[in-house]
Amino acid sequence: MNQDELIQRWVKVFNERDVAACSTLYAEGASLHVAFAPPVEGRAAIAEMFAAYFAAAPLHCLIKHLYGAEGGRVILEWEDAVGLLGVNIYEIEDGLIIRQRNYFDQLSFLRLNGLPTPSL
């Protein structure tokens, strides 16, 4: 499976809300960085994060654009079912995700999914 196919697989199992299948796409020492939170380190911790996200909101990723780049990088521009837009940047090594960085508007995510927003 090439790097674009790996990310297409990631979108498929993410949309199926399959925590186990999602976690198998990450290297054991992978990291996942969401712009508004500390990085999540390690496959097991990433699986726990997905389980919590899936329990909190009806997440669904629609591919807007998928760009393969040099050096094992893939950029995914996405939209979710409630209209939130975002970008994920993946770094891939030996057929597994070693680092993922997610960028989206957290306040919009909370509002669009009917979740509590932080008080200012």
N, C-alpha and C. Protein backbone atom coordinates (compact mmCIF):
# COMPACT_ATOMS: atom_id res chain seq x y z
N MET A 1 0.86 -1.17 0.00
CA MET A 1 0.00 0.00 0.00
C MET A 1 0.91 1.24 0.00
N ASN A 2 0.67 2.17 -0.95
CA ASN A 2 1.48 3.38 -0.98
C ASN A 2 0.95 4.38 0.05
N GLN A 3 1.63 5.51 0.17
CA GLN A 3 1.26 6.46 1.24
C GLN A 3 -0.14 7.06 1.03
N ASP A 4 -0.54 7.33 -0.21
CA ASP A 4 -1.89 7.85 -0.44
C ASP A 4 -2.94 6.80 -0.07
N GLU A 5 -2.69 5.56 -0.42
CA GLU A 5 -3.62 4.47 -0.07
C GLU A 5 -3.72 4.29 1.44
N LEU A 6 -2.59 4.47 2.13
CA LEU A 6 -2.60 4.37 3.59
C LEU A 6 -3.54 5.42 4.20
N ILE A 7 -3.48 6.64 3.69
CA ILE A 7 -4.34 7.69 4.24
C ILE A 7 -5.80 7.47 3.81
N GLN A 8 -6.03 6.98 2.62
CA GLN A 8 -7.39 6.62 2.23
C GLN A 8 -7.94 5.52 3.14
N ARG A 9 -7.09 4.58 3.50
CA ARG A 9 -7.48 3.52 4.46
C ARG A 9 -7.78 4.16 5.82
N TRP A 10 -6.94 5.11 6.23
CA TRP A 10 -7.16 5.80 7.50
C TRP A 10 -8.55 6.45 7.51
N VAL A 11 -8.89 7.16 6.42
CA VAL A 11 -10.21 7.82 6.34
C VAL A 11 -11.32 6.78 6.44
N LYS A 12 -11.17 5.66 5.76
CA LYS A 12 -12.20 4.60 5.77
C LYS A 12 -12.44 4.08 7.18
N VAL A 13 -11.38 3.69 7.88
CA VAL A 13 -11.57 3.11 9.21
C VAL A 13 -11.95 4.18 10.24
N PHE A 14 -11.48 5.42 10.03
CA PHE A 14 -11.91 6.53 10.89
C PHE A 14 -13.42 6.71 10.76
N ASN A 15 -13.92 6.70 9.53
CA ASN A 15 -15.35 6.89 9.30
C ASN A 15 -16.17 5.72 9.81
N GLU A 16 -15.56 4.55 9.90
CA GLU A 16 -16.23 3.39 10.49
C GLU A 16 -16.13 3.42 12.02
N ARG A 17 -15.39 4.39 12.55
CA ARG A 17 -15.19 4.55 13.99
C ARG A 17 -14.53 3.31 14.60
N ASP A 18 -13.63 2.72 13.84
CA ASP A 18 -12.96 1.48 14.23
C ASP A 18 -11.62 1.83 14.89
N VAL A 19 -11.63 1.94 16.20
CA VAL A 19 -10.46 2.34 16.97
C VAL A 19 -9.29 1.38 16.73
N ALA A 20 -9.55 0.09 16.77
CA ALA A 20 -8.48 -0.89 16.60
C ALA A 20 -7.84 -0.77 15.22
N ALA A 21 -8.67 -0.66 14.18
CA ALA A 21 -8.14 -0.54 12.82
C ALA A 21 -7.38 0.77 12.64
N CYS A 22 -7.88 1.85 13.22
CA CYS A 22 -7.16 3.13 13.16
C CYS A 22 -5.77 2.99 13.78
N SER A 23 -5.72 2.41 14.95
CA SER A 23 -4.45 2.35 15.68
C SER A 23 -3.41 1.49 14.97
N THR A 24 -3.83 0.50 14.20
CA THR A 24 -2.85 -0.35 13.50
C THR A 24 -2.14 0.40 12.37
N LEU A 25 -2.63 1.57 11.99
CA LEU A 25 -2.00 2.35 10.92
C LEU A 25 -0.87 3.24 11.43
N TYR A 26 -0.66 3.25 12.75
CA TYR A 26 0.38 4.06 13.39
C TYR A 26 1.54 3.20 13.86
N ALA A 27 2.74 3.74 13.74
CA ALA A 27 3.92 3.08 14.31
C ALA A 27 3.78 3.07 15.84
N GLU A 28 4.44 2.15 16.48
CA GLU A 28 4.36 2.03 17.94
C GLU A 28 4.70 3.35 18.64
N GLY A 29 5.70 4.05 18.16
CA GLY A 29 6.13 5.31 18.79
C GLY A 29 5.59 6.55 18.10
N ALA A 30 4.50 6.44 17.39
CA ALA A 30 3.93 7.56 16.64
C ALA A 30 3.47 8.67 17.58
N SER A 31 3.30 9.86 16.99
CA SER A 31 2.73 10.97 17.75
C SER A 31 1.63 11.61 16.92
N LEU A 32 0.63 12.13 17.63
CA LEU A 32 -0.50 12.81 16.99
C LEU A 32 -0.63 14.17 17.67
N HIS A 33 -0.55 15.22 16.87
CA HIS A 33 -0.57 16.58 17.38
C HIS A 33 -1.84 17.27 16.90
N VAL A 34 -2.67 17.70 17.81
CA VAL A 34 -3.85 18.50 17.50
C VAL A 34 -3.50 19.91 17.95
N ALA A 35 -3.77 20.90 17.11
CA ALA A 35 -3.28 22.26 17.31
C ALA A 35 -3.54 22.84 18.70
N PHE A 36 -4.61 22.44 19.36
CA PHE A 36 -4.99 23.08 20.63
C PHE A 36 -4.69 22.21 21.85
N ALA A 37 -3.95 21.12 21.68
CA ALA A 37 -3.73 20.20 22.80
C ALA A 37 -2.30 19.67 22.78
N PRO A 38 -1.82 19.18 23.90
CA PRO A 38 -0.50 18.56 23.91
C PRO A 38 -0.47 17.34 22.99
N PRO A 39 0.69 16.99 22.44
CA PRO A 39 0.77 15.82 21.57
C PRO A 39 0.40 14.53 22.30
N VAL A 40 -0.18 13.61 21.55
CA VAL A 40 -0.49 12.28 22.06
C VAL A 40 0.63 11.38 21.54
N GLU A 41 1.28 10.67 22.43
CA GLU A 41 2.47 9.89 22.08
C GLU A 41 2.20 8.39 22.24
N GLY A 42 2.48 7.64 21.18
CA GLY A 42 2.38 6.19 21.22
C GLY A 42 1.06 5.66 20.69
N ARG A 43 1.14 4.48 20.07
CA ARG A 43 -0.03 3.87 19.44
C ARG A 43 -1.18 3.67 20.43
N ALA A 44 -0.90 3.19 21.63
CA ALA A 44 -1.97 2.93 22.61
C ALA A 44 -2.66 4.23 23.02
N ALA A 45 -1.90 5.28 23.24
CA ALA A 45 -2.49 6.57 23.62
C ALA A 45 -3.31 7.16 22.47
N ILE A 46 -2.85 6.97 21.25
CA ILE A 46 -3.60 7.44 20.08
C ILE A 46 -4.93 6.69 19.99
N ALA A 47 -4.91 5.39 20.25
CA ALA A 47 -6.15 4.61 20.24
C ALA A 47 -7.12 5.13 21.30
N GLU A 48 -6.62 5.44 22.50
CA GLU A 48 -7.47 5.99 23.56
C GLU A 48 -8.07 7.33 23.14
N MET A 49 -7.27 8.16 22.47
CA MET A 49 -7.76 9.46 22.01
C MET A 49 -8.89 9.28 21.00
N PHE A 50 -8.70 8.35 20.04
CA PHE A 50 -9.77 8.10 19.06
C PHE A 50 -11.03 7.60 19.76
N ALA A 51 -10.89 6.72 20.71
CA ALA A 51 -12.07 6.21 21.43
C ALA A 51 -12.82 7.36 22.11
N ALA A 52 -12.09 8.27 22.72
CA ALA A 52 -12.72 9.42 23.39
C ALA A 52 -13.39 10.34 22.37
N TYR A 53 -12.73 10.62 21.26
CA TYR A 53 -13.31 11.48 20.22
C TYR A 53 -14.58 10.85 19.65
N PHE A 54 -14.52 9.55 19.36
CA PHE A 54 -15.68 8.87 18.77
C PHE A 54 -16.85 8.86 19.75
N ALA A 55 -16.57 8.79 21.04
CA ALA A 55 -17.64 8.81 22.04
C ALA A 55 -18.24 10.20 22.19
N ALA A 56 -17.46 11.24 21.89
CA ALA A 56 -17.91 12.62 22.12
C ALA A 56 -18.72 13.21 20.97
N ALA A 57 -18.42 12.79 19.74
CA ALA A 57 -19.05 13.47 18.59
C ALA A 57 -19.18 12.51 17.41
N PRO A 58 -20.15 12.77 16.55
CA PRO A 58 -20.34 11.93 15.36
C PRO A 58 -19.36 12.31 14.24
N LEU A 59 -18.10 11.99 14.44
CA LEU A 59 -17.05 12.39 13.49
C LEU A 59 -17.17 11.64 12.17
N HIS A 60 -16.91 12.36 11.08
CA HIS A 60 -16.89 11.75 9.75
C HIS A 60 -16.01 12.62 8.86
N CYS A 61 -15.07 12.02 8.18
CA CYS A 61 -14.09 12.74 7.37
C CYS A 61 -14.42 12.59 5.89
N LEU A 62 -14.62 13.71 5.21
CA LEU A 62 -14.85 13.72 3.77
C LEU A 62 -13.60 14.30 3.12
N ILE A 63 -12.98 13.55 2.24
CA ILE A 63 -11.76 14.01 1.58
C ILE A 63 -12.11 15.12 0.59
N LYS A 64 -11.49 16.28 0.78
CA LYS A 64 -11.62 17.38 -0.18
C LYS A 64 -10.45 17.32 -1.16
N HIS A 65 -9.24 17.16 -0.64
CA HIS A 65 -8.03 17.03 -1.45
C HIS A 65 -7.04 16.16 -0.70
N LEU A 66 -6.30 15.37 -1.45
CA LEU A 66 -5.26 14.52 -0.87
C LEU A 66 -4.00 14.73 -1.70
N TYR A 67 -2.95 15.19 -1.05
CA TYR A 67 -1.70 15.51 -1.73
C TYR A 67 -0.57 14.65 -1.18
N GLY A 68 0.06 13.88 -2.05
CA GLY A 68 1.27 13.17 -1.68
C GLY A 68 2.44 14.13 -1.85
N ALA A 69 3.39 14.09 -0.94
CA ALA A 69 4.54 15.00 -1.01
C ALA A 69 5.82 14.20 -0.82
N GLU A 70 6.92 14.84 -1.10
CA GLU A 70 8.24 14.22 -0.93
C GLU A 70 8.46 13.84 0.53
N GLY A 71 9.32 12.88 0.73
CA GLY A 71 9.74 12.54 2.08
C GLY A 71 8.69 11.85 2.93
N GLY A 72 7.77 11.12 2.29
CA GLY A 72 6.79 10.36 3.07
C GLY A 72 5.72 11.21 3.72
N ARG A 73 5.41 12.36 3.14
CA ARG A 73 4.37 13.22 3.71
C ARG A 73 3.12 13.18 2.83
N VAL A 74 1.98 13.21 3.49
CA VAL A 74 0.69 13.30 2.81
C VAL A 74 -0.12 14.39 3.51
N ILE A 75 -0.74 15.23 2.72
CA ILE A 75 -1.58 16.31 3.26
C ILE A 75 -3.02 16.01 2.86
N LEU A 76 -3.87 15.97 3.86
CA LEU A 76 -5.30 15.70 3.67
C LEU A 76 -6.08 16.96 4.03
N GLU A 77 -6.76 17.54 3.04
CA GLU A 77 -7.72 18.61 3.33
C GLU A 77 -9.07 17.92 3.45
N TRP A 78 -9.80 18.20 4.53
CA TRP A 78 -11.05 17.49 4.79
C TRP A 78 -12.16 18.43 5.22
N GLU A 79 -13.34 17.87 5.15
CA GLU A 79 -14.54 18.50 5.69
C GLU A 79 -15.27 17.40 6.43
N ASP A 80 -15.92 17.75 7.53
CA ASP A 80 -16.70 16.72 8.20
C ASP A 80 -18.18 16.89 7.88
N ALA A 81 -18.99 16.00 8.40
CA ALA A 81 -20.41 15.97 8.06
C ALA A 81 -21.17 17.21 8.51
N VAL A 82 -20.64 17.96 9.48
CA VAL A 82 -21.34 19.17 9.94
C VAL A 82 -20.72 20.44 9.37
N GLY A 83 -19.77 20.30 8.43
CA GLY A 83 -19.22 21.45 7.73
C GLY A 83 -17.90 22.00 8.24
N LEU A 84 -17.33 21.38 9.26
CA LEU A 84 -16.02 21.82 9.76
C LEU A 84 -14.96 21.49 8.72
N LEU A 85 -14.04 22.42 8.50
CA LEU A 85 -12.93 22.21 7.58
C LEU A 85 -11.64 22.04 8.36
N GLY A 86 -10.73 21.23 7.82
CA GLY A 86 -9.45 21.05 8.48
C GLY A 86 -8.41 20.48 7.55
N VAL A 87 -7.21 20.39 8.09
CA VAL A 87 -6.07 19.83 7.36
C VAL A 87 -5.32 18.91 8.31
N ASN A 88 -4.99 17.73 7.81
CA ASN A 88 -4.11 16.80 8.53
C ASN A 88 -2.84 16.64 7.70
N ILE A 89 -1.71 16.63 8.38
CA ILE A 89 -0.43 16.36 7.72
C ILE A 89 0.13 15.09 8.35
N TYR A 90 0.40 14.12 7.50
CA TYR A 90 0.91 12.82 7.95
C TYR A 90 2.35 12.65 7.51
N GLU A 91 3.15 12.08 8.38
CA GLU A 91 4.49 11.65 8.01
C GLU A 91 4.49 10.13 8.11
N ILE A 92 4.95 9.49 7.05
CA ILE A 92 4.86 8.04 6.93
C ILE A 92 6.25 7.45 6.76
N GLU A 93 6.47 6.35 7.46
CA GLU A 93 7.74 5.64 7.37
C GLU A 93 7.46 4.15 7.47
N ASP A 94 8.05 3.38 6.58
CA ASP A 94 7.86 1.92 6.57
C ASP A 94 6.39 1.52 6.56
N GLY A 95 5.57 2.29 5.82
CA GLY A 95 4.17 1.95 5.65
C GLY A 95 3.26 2.27 6.82
N LEU A 96 3.77 3.03 7.82
CA LEU A 96 2.97 3.40 8.99
C LEU A 96 3.08 4.90 9.24
N ILE A 97 2.07 5.44 9.86
CA ILE A 97 2.08 6.85 10.24
C ILE A 97 2.99 7.01 11.46
N ILE A 98 3.97 7.90 11.34
CA ILE A 98 4.86 8.15 12.48
C ILE A 98 4.53 9.48 13.16
N ARG A 99 3.93 10.41 12.40
CA ARG A 99 3.49 11.67 13.00
C ARG A 99 2.29 12.18 12.22
N GLN A 100 1.32 12.67 12.96
CA GLN A 100 0.13 13.28 12.36
C GLN A 100 -0.11 14.60 13.05
N ARG A 101 -0.33 15.63 12.25
CA ARG A 101 -0.65 16.95 12.78
C ARG A 101 -2.00 17.36 12.23
N ASN A 102 -2.92 17.74 13.11
CA ASN A 102 -4.29 18.12 12.73
C ASN A 102 -4.50 19.60 13.01
N TYR A 103 -5.09 20.29 12.04
CA TYR A 103 -5.37 21.70 12.19
C TYR A 103 -6.84 21.95 11.85
N PHE A 104 -7.58 22.47 12.81
CA PHE A 104 -8.97 22.85 12.61
C PHE A 104 -9.36 23.80 13.73
N ASP A 105 -10.47 24.46 13.58
CA ASP A 105 -10.95 25.42 14.56
C ASP A 105 -11.69 24.67 15.67
N GLN A 106 -11.07 24.60 16.84
CA GLN A 106 -11.65 23.84 17.95
C GLN A 106 -13.00 24.41 18.39
N LEU A 107 -13.12 25.71 18.46
CA LEU A 107 -14.37 26.31 18.91
C LEU A 107 -15.51 25.95 17.94
N SER A 108 -15.23 26.01 16.64
CA SER A 108 -16.24 25.60 15.65
C SER A 108 -16.58 24.13 15.82
N PHE A 109 -15.57 23.28 16.06
CA PHE A 109 -15.81 21.85 16.27
C PHE A 109 -16.78 21.64 17.43
N LEU A 110 -16.53 22.32 18.55
CA LEU A 110 -17.39 22.16 19.73
C LEU A 110 -18.80 22.64 19.44
N ARG A 111 -18.91 23.81 18.84
CA ARG A 111 -20.24 24.38 18.55
C ARG A 111 -21.02 23.52 17.57
N LEU A 112 -20.38 23.11 16.47
CA LEU A 112 -21.07 22.34 15.43
C LEU A 112 -21.51 20.97 15.92
N ASN A 113 -20.83 20.45 16.95
CA ASN A 113 -21.18 19.13 17.49
C ASN A 113 -21.98 19.21 18.77
N GLY A 114 -22.42 20.42 19.14
CA GLY A 114 -23.25 20.58 20.33
C GLY A 114 -22.53 20.25 21.62
N LEU A 115 -21.22 20.45 21.66
CA LEU A 115 -20.42 20.16 22.84
C LEU A 115 -20.18 21.44 23.64
N PRO A 116 -19.91 21.33 24.93
CA PRO A 116 -19.68 22.52 25.74
C PRO A 116 -18.47 23.31 25.24
N THR A 117 -18.59 24.61 25.26
CA THR A 117 -17.46 25.47 24.87
C THR A 117 -16.82 26.05 26.11
N PRO A 118 -15.52 26.32 26.04
CA PRO A 118 -14.84 26.88 27.21
C PRO A 118 -15.35 28.29 27.50
N SER A 119 -15.38 28.64 28.77
CA SER A 119 -15.77 30.00 29.13
C SER A 119 -14.53 30.88 29.04
N LEU A 120 -14.75 32.09 28.60
CA LEU A 120 -13.62 33.01 28.44
C LEU A 120 -13.50 33.95 29.60
